[in-house]
Amino acid sequence: MFRMAPRSAKRTRITTESLETMGAPALASLLVDHAKVDQVLRRKLQLLLASKEGSGKLVAEIEKRIRTIGRSKSHIGWERTKDIVQELDHLRETIAGQLASQDRGQMAS
């Protein structure tokens, strides 16, 4: 009979601190690879990069995505419902959080 040896190694925990030790190039490479197969992640990264270019670019990206969703004629099957809900929620969070704070910062200047 096959017996497994008791585990001695602790499970590696995924935390902000543990990922920071990997360095930006390794994490960027991982994100790019994963974004190729995960549309929700890819769109989040596109918005994040647009926000670094200023609120104008971020607004343009948000408007483009909302127009695309609005023009879509296809039926959203139950398999994609979770992805669409996540994306719409992320758009809402970006508008209410990141974009609103950038606008407040510009008004204060």
N, C-alpha and C. Protein backbone atom coordinates (compact mmCIF):
# COMPACT_ATOMS: atom_id res chain seq x y z
N MET A 1 0.83 -1.17 0.00
CA MET A 1 0.00 0.00 0.00
C MET A 1 0.88 1.25 0.00
N PHE A 2 0.46 2.26 -0.73
CA PHE A 2 1.21 3.49 -0.87
C PHE A 2 0.88 4.43 0.27
N ARG A 3 1.91 4.94 0.94
CA ARG A 3 1.71 5.90 2.03
C ARG A 3 2.44 7.18 1.69
N MET A 4 1.78 8.25 1.91
CA MET A 4 2.42 9.54 1.67
C MET A 4 3.16 9.97 2.94
N ALA A 5 4.30 10.54 2.71
CA ALA A 5 5.08 11.06 3.82
C ALA A 5 4.38 12.30 4.37
N PRO A 6 4.49 12.55 5.67
CA PRO A 6 3.88 13.75 6.23
C PRO A 6 4.48 15.01 5.60
N ARG A 7 3.66 15.96 5.41
CA ARG A 7 4.14 17.23 4.83
C ARG A 7 4.96 17.99 5.84
N SER A 8 6.09 18.45 5.36
CA SER A 8 6.92 19.27 6.24
C SER A 8 6.99 20.72 5.75
N ALA A 9 6.75 20.90 4.46
CA ALA A 9 6.83 22.25 3.91
C ALA A 9 5.50 22.98 4.10
N LYS A 10 5.62 24.23 4.49
CA LYS A 10 4.42 25.05 4.65
C LYS A 10 3.94 25.51 3.28
N ARG A 11 2.64 25.67 3.18
CA ARG A 11 2.05 26.17 1.95
C ARG A 11 2.44 27.65 1.77
N THR A 12 2.84 27.99 0.56
CA THR A 12 3.22 29.36 0.26
C THR A 12 1.96 30.21 0.20
N ARG A 13 1.94 31.25 0.98
CA ARG A 13 0.77 32.14 1.02
C ARG A 13 0.95 33.26 0.00
N ILE A 14 -0.11 33.54 -0.71
CA ILE A 14 -0.07 34.62 -1.68
C ILE A 14 -0.55 35.89 -0.98
N THR A 15 0.39 36.78 -0.75
CA THR A 15 0.09 38.06 -0.10
C THR A 15 0.77 39.16 -0.90
N THR A 16 0.38 40.38 -0.63
CA THR A 16 1.02 41.52 -1.29
C THR A 16 2.52 41.50 -1.01
N GLU A 17 2.88 41.24 0.22
CA GLU A 17 4.30 41.25 0.60
C GLU A 17 5.08 40.14 -0.11
N SER A 18 4.51 38.94 -0.19
CA SER A 18 5.23 37.84 -0.83
C SER A 18 5.38 38.09 -2.33
N LEU A 19 4.38 38.70 -2.96
CA LEU A 19 4.47 38.99 -4.39
C LEU A 19 5.43 40.13 -4.68
N GLU A 20 5.53 41.09 -3.76
CA GLU A 20 6.47 42.20 -3.95
C GLU A 20 7.90 41.71 -4.04
N THR A 21 8.21 40.60 -3.38
CA THR A 21 9.57 40.07 -3.41
C THR A 21 9.94 39.51 -4.78
N MET A 22 8.95 39.24 -5.63
CA MET A 22 9.22 38.70 -6.97
C MET A 22 9.76 39.77 -7.92
N GLY A 23 9.46 41.02 -7.63
CA GLY A 23 9.92 42.11 -8.48
C GLY A 23 8.93 42.42 -9.60
N ALA A 24 8.98 43.67 -10.04
CA ALA A 24 8.05 44.16 -11.05
C ALA A 24 8.16 43.41 -12.39
N PRO A 25 9.35 43.13 -12.91
CA PRO A 25 9.43 42.45 -14.22
C PRO A 25 8.76 41.07 -14.21
N ALA A 26 8.96 40.30 -13.15
CA ALA A 26 8.35 38.96 -13.09
C ALA A 26 6.83 39.06 -12.99
N LEU A 27 6.35 40.00 -12.19
CA LEU A 27 4.90 40.16 -12.04
C LEU A 27 4.28 40.71 -13.32
N ALA A 28 4.96 41.63 -13.98
CA ALA A 28 4.45 42.17 -15.24
C ALA A 28 4.34 41.07 -16.29
N SER A 29 5.33 40.23 -16.37
CA SER A 29 5.31 39.11 -17.31
C SER A 29 4.15 38.16 -17.02
N LEU A 30 3.96 37.87 -15.75
CA LEU A 30 2.85 37.01 -15.34
C LEU A 30 1.50 37.63 -15.71
N LEU A 31 1.34 38.92 -15.47
CA LEU A 31 0.09 39.61 -15.80
C LEU A 31 -0.17 39.61 -17.30
N VAL A 32 0.85 39.86 -18.09
CA VAL A 32 0.70 39.86 -19.54
C VAL A 32 0.27 38.48 -20.03
N ASP A 33 0.92 37.43 -19.53
CA ASP A 33 0.57 36.07 -19.92
C ASP A 33 -0.87 35.73 -19.55
N HIS A 34 -1.27 36.10 -18.35
CA HIS A 34 -2.62 35.78 -17.89
C HIS A 34 -3.66 36.63 -18.61
N ALA A 35 -3.33 37.86 -18.92
CA ALA A 35 -4.28 38.75 -19.62
C ALA A 35 -4.59 38.25 -21.03
N LYS A 36 -3.70 37.44 -21.60
CA LYS A 36 -3.96 36.87 -22.93
C LYS A 36 -5.15 35.92 -22.92
N VAL A 37 -5.42 35.31 -21.77
CA VAL A 37 -6.53 34.34 -21.69
C VAL A 37 -7.67 34.81 -20.80
N ASP A 38 -7.49 35.92 -20.10
CA ASP A 38 -8.51 36.44 -19.18
C ASP A 38 -8.92 37.84 -19.62
N GLN A 39 -10.07 37.94 -20.30
CA GLN A 39 -10.52 39.23 -20.83
C GLN A 39 -10.79 40.25 -19.73
N VAL A 40 -11.34 39.80 -18.62
CA VAL A 40 -11.65 40.72 -17.52
C VAL A 40 -10.36 41.35 -17.00
N LEU A 41 -9.34 40.53 -16.78
CA LEU A 41 -8.05 41.06 -16.33
C LEU A 41 -7.45 42.00 -17.37
N ARG A 42 -7.53 41.62 -18.64
CA ARG A 42 -6.97 42.46 -19.70
C ARG A 42 -7.63 43.84 -19.70
N ARG A 43 -8.94 43.89 -19.55
CA ARG A 43 -9.63 45.18 -19.55
C ARG A 43 -9.30 46.00 -18.30
N LYS A 44 -9.13 45.33 -17.16
CA LYS A 44 -8.72 46.04 -15.94
C LYS A 44 -7.33 46.66 -16.13
N LEU A 45 -6.44 45.90 -16.73
CA LEU A 45 -5.09 46.42 -16.97
C LEU A 45 -5.11 47.58 -17.96
N GLN A 46 -5.96 47.49 -18.98
CA GLN A 46 -6.07 48.59 -19.95
C GLN A 46 -6.53 49.87 -19.26
N LEU A 47 -7.51 49.75 -18.36
CA LEU A 47 -7.97 50.93 -17.63
C LEU A 47 -6.90 51.47 -16.70
N LEU A 48 -6.17 50.58 -16.04
CA LEU A 48 -5.10 51.01 -15.15
C LEU A 48 -4.02 51.77 -15.92
N LEU A 49 -3.64 51.23 -17.07
CA LEU A 49 -2.63 51.91 -17.88
C LEU A 49 -3.16 53.25 -18.41
N ALA A 50 -4.43 53.29 -18.80
CA ALA A 50 -5.02 54.54 -19.29
C ALA A 50 -5.04 55.58 -18.18
N SER A 51 -5.30 55.16 -16.94
CA SER A 51 -5.35 56.11 -15.84
C SER A 51 -3.99 56.76 -15.59
N LYS A 52 -2.92 56.06 -15.92
CA LYS A 52 -1.58 56.62 -15.74
C LYS A 52 -1.30 57.72 -16.75
N GLU A 53 -2.08 57.73 -17.86
CA GLU A 53 -1.90 58.76 -18.89
C GLU A 53 -2.78 59.98 -18.64
N GLY A 54 -3.63 59.91 -17.60
CA GLY A 54 -4.46 61.04 -17.27
C GLY A 54 -5.95 60.71 -17.39
N SER A 55 -6.76 61.59 -16.82
CA SER A 55 -8.19 61.32 -16.78
C SER A 55 -8.82 61.33 -18.16
N GLY A 56 -8.28 62.12 -19.10
CA GLY A 56 -8.83 62.15 -20.46
C GLY A 56 -8.74 60.80 -21.14
N LYS A 57 -7.60 60.16 -21.02
CA LYS A 57 -7.40 58.84 -21.62
C LYS A 57 -8.28 57.80 -20.92
N LEU A 58 -8.40 57.91 -19.61
CA LEU A 58 -9.24 56.98 -18.85
C LEU A 58 -10.70 57.12 -19.26
N VAL A 59 -11.18 58.34 -19.39
CA VAL A 59 -12.56 58.58 -19.82
C VAL A 59 -12.79 57.99 -21.21
N ALA A 60 -11.84 58.18 -22.10
CA ALA A 60 -11.97 57.65 -23.47
C ALA A 60 -12.08 56.12 -23.45
N GLU A 61 -11.27 55.47 -22.65
CA GLU A 61 -11.31 54.00 -22.55
C GLU A 61 -12.63 53.52 -21.97
N ILE A 62 -13.11 54.20 -20.93
CA ILE A 62 -14.39 53.82 -20.31
C ILE A 62 -15.53 54.02 -21.30
N GLU A 63 -15.55 55.16 -21.97
CA GLU A 63 -16.61 55.43 -22.96
C GLU A 63 -16.58 54.40 -24.08
N LYS A 64 -15.40 54.06 -24.55
CA LYS A 64 -15.27 53.08 -25.62
C LYS A 64 -15.85 51.73 -25.20
N ARG A 65 -15.54 51.32 -23.98
CA ARG A 65 -16.03 50.02 -23.52
C ARG A 65 -17.54 50.04 -23.29
N ILE A 66 -18.06 51.11 -22.72
CA ILE A 66 -19.51 51.20 -22.49
C ILE A 66 -20.25 51.21 -23.83
N ARG A 67 -19.72 51.93 -24.82
CA ARG A 67 -20.35 51.93 -26.16
C ARG A 67 -20.33 50.53 -26.77
N THR A 68 -19.23 49.83 -26.63
CA THR A 68 -19.13 48.47 -27.17
C THR A 68 -20.15 47.56 -26.52
N ILE A 69 -20.27 47.63 -25.22
CA ILE A 69 -21.25 46.80 -24.50
C ILE A 69 -22.66 47.18 -24.94
N GLY A 70 -22.94 48.48 -25.08
CA GLY A 70 -24.26 48.95 -25.48
C GLY A 70 -24.65 48.53 -26.89
N ARG A 71 -23.68 48.47 -27.79
CA ARG A 71 -23.95 48.09 -29.18
C ARG A 71 -24.07 46.59 -29.37
N SER A 72 -23.61 45.84 -28.40
CA SER A 72 -23.59 44.38 -28.54
C SER A 72 -25.00 43.83 -28.72
N LYS A 73 -25.16 43.00 -29.70
CA LYS A 73 -26.45 42.40 -30.00
C LYS A 73 -26.52 40.94 -29.54
N SER A 74 -25.40 40.41 -29.14
CA SER A 74 -25.36 39.00 -28.78
C SER A 74 -26.00 38.76 -27.41
N HIS A 75 -26.52 37.57 -27.27
CA HIS A 75 -27.11 37.15 -26.01
C HIS A 75 -25.99 36.79 -25.04
N ILE A 76 -26.12 37.22 -23.81
CA ILE A 76 -25.12 36.88 -22.79
C ILE A 76 -25.58 35.60 -22.11
N GLY A 77 -24.88 34.52 -22.37
CA GLY A 77 -25.22 33.24 -21.77
C GLY A 77 -24.83 33.21 -20.31
N TRP A 78 -25.35 32.26 -19.60
CA TRP A 78 -25.07 32.16 -18.17
C TRP A 78 -23.59 31.96 -17.89
N GLU A 79 -22.86 31.39 -18.87
CA GLU A 79 -21.42 31.16 -18.67
C GLU A 79 -20.65 32.47 -18.58
N ARG A 80 -21.13 33.51 -19.28
CA ARG A 80 -20.42 34.79 -19.32
C ARG A 80 -21.00 35.83 -18.37
N THR A 81 -22.09 35.52 -17.73
CA THR A 81 -22.75 36.49 -16.86
C THR A 81 -21.81 37.01 -15.77
N LYS A 82 -21.08 36.11 -15.14
CA LYS A 82 -20.17 36.52 -14.06
C LYS A 82 -19.11 37.49 -14.57
N ASP A 83 -18.55 37.21 -15.75
CA ASP A 83 -17.52 38.09 -16.32
C ASP A 83 -18.07 39.48 -16.62
N ILE A 84 -19.28 39.53 -17.20
CA ILE A 84 -19.89 40.82 -17.53
C ILE A 84 -20.19 41.61 -16.26
N VAL A 85 -20.72 40.94 -15.25
CA VAL A 85 -21.02 41.60 -13.98
C VAL A 85 -19.74 42.15 -13.36
N GLN A 86 -18.67 41.35 -13.37
CA GLN A 86 -17.40 41.81 -12.82
C GLN A 86 -16.88 43.03 -13.58
N GLU A 87 -17.00 42.99 -14.89
CA GLU A 87 -16.49 44.10 -15.69
C GLU A 87 -17.30 45.37 -15.44
N LEU A 88 -18.63 45.25 -15.43
CA LEU A 88 -19.46 46.43 -15.17
C LEU A 88 -19.20 46.99 -13.77
N ASP A 89 -19.01 46.11 -12.80
CA ASP A 89 -18.71 46.56 -11.45
C ASP A 89 -17.36 47.27 -11.41
N HIS A 90 -16.39 46.75 -12.13
CA HIS A 90 -15.08 47.39 -12.17
C HIS A 90 -15.16 48.75 -12.85
N LEU A 91 -15.95 48.85 -13.94
CA LEU A 91 -16.14 50.15 -14.59
C LEU A 91 -16.76 51.15 -13.62
N ARG A 92 -17.77 50.69 -12.87
CA ARG A 92 -18.43 51.56 -11.89
C ARG A 92 -17.44 52.01 -10.82
N GLU A 93 -16.64 51.08 -10.31
CA GLU A 93 -15.65 51.41 -9.28
C GLU A 93 -14.61 52.40 -9.82
N THR A 94 -14.21 52.21 -11.06
CA THR A 94 -13.22 53.10 -11.66
C THR A 94 -13.78 54.51 -11.81
N ILE A 95 -15.04 54.60 -12.25
CA ILE A 95 -15.67 55.91 -12.43
C ILE A 95 -15.85 56.59 -11.07
N ALA A 96 -16.40 55.86 -10.10
CA ALA A 96 -16.71 56.45 -8.79
C ALA A 96 -15.46 56.68 -7.94
N GLY A 97 -14.45 55.89 -8.14
CA GLY A 97 -13.25 56.00 -7.31
C GLY A 97 -12.13 56.73 -7.99
N GLN A 98 -11.46 56.04 -8.88
CA GLN A 98 -10.25 56.57 -9.51
C GLN A 98 -10.51 57.84 -10.32
N LEU A 99 -11.52 57.80 -11.17
CA LEU A 99 -11.80 58.96 -12.02
C LEU A 99 -12.30 60.14 -11.19
N ALA A 100 -13.15 59.87 -10.22
CA ALA A 100 -13.67 60.94 -9.36
C ALA A 100 -12.54 61.59 -8.56
N SER A 101 -11.60 60.78 -8.07
CA SER A 101 -10.50 61.36 -7.29
C SER A 101 -9.56 62.17 -8.18
N GLN A 102 -9.37 61.73 -9.43
CA GLN A 102 -8.54 62.52 -10.35
C GLN A 102 -9.21 63.85 -10.66
N ASP A 103 -10.54 63.82 -10.86
CA ASP A 103 -11.27 65.06 -11.13
C ASP A 103 -11.22 66.01 -9.93
N ARG A 104 -11.35 65.47 -8.71
CA ARG A 104 -11.26 66.31 -7.52
C ARG A 104 -9.88 66.95 -7.41
N GLY A 105 -8.87 66.18 -7.74
CA GLY A 105 -7.50 66.70 -7.71
C GLY A 105 -7.29 67.82 -8.72
N GLN A 106 -7.89 67.71 -9.88
CA GLN A 106 -7.77 68.75 -10.90
C GLN A 106 -8.53 70.00 -10.52
N MET A 107 -9.68 69.82 -9.86
CA MET A 107 -10.45 70.98 -9.42
C MET A 107 -9.73 71.75 -8.31
N ALA A 108 -8.99 71.03 -7.46
CA ALA A 108 -8.29 71.67 -6.35
C ALA A 108 -7.07 72.46 -6.85
N SER A 109 -6.57 72.08 -8.02
CA SER A 109 -5.37 72.75 -8.54
C SER A 109 -5.66 74.12 -9.08
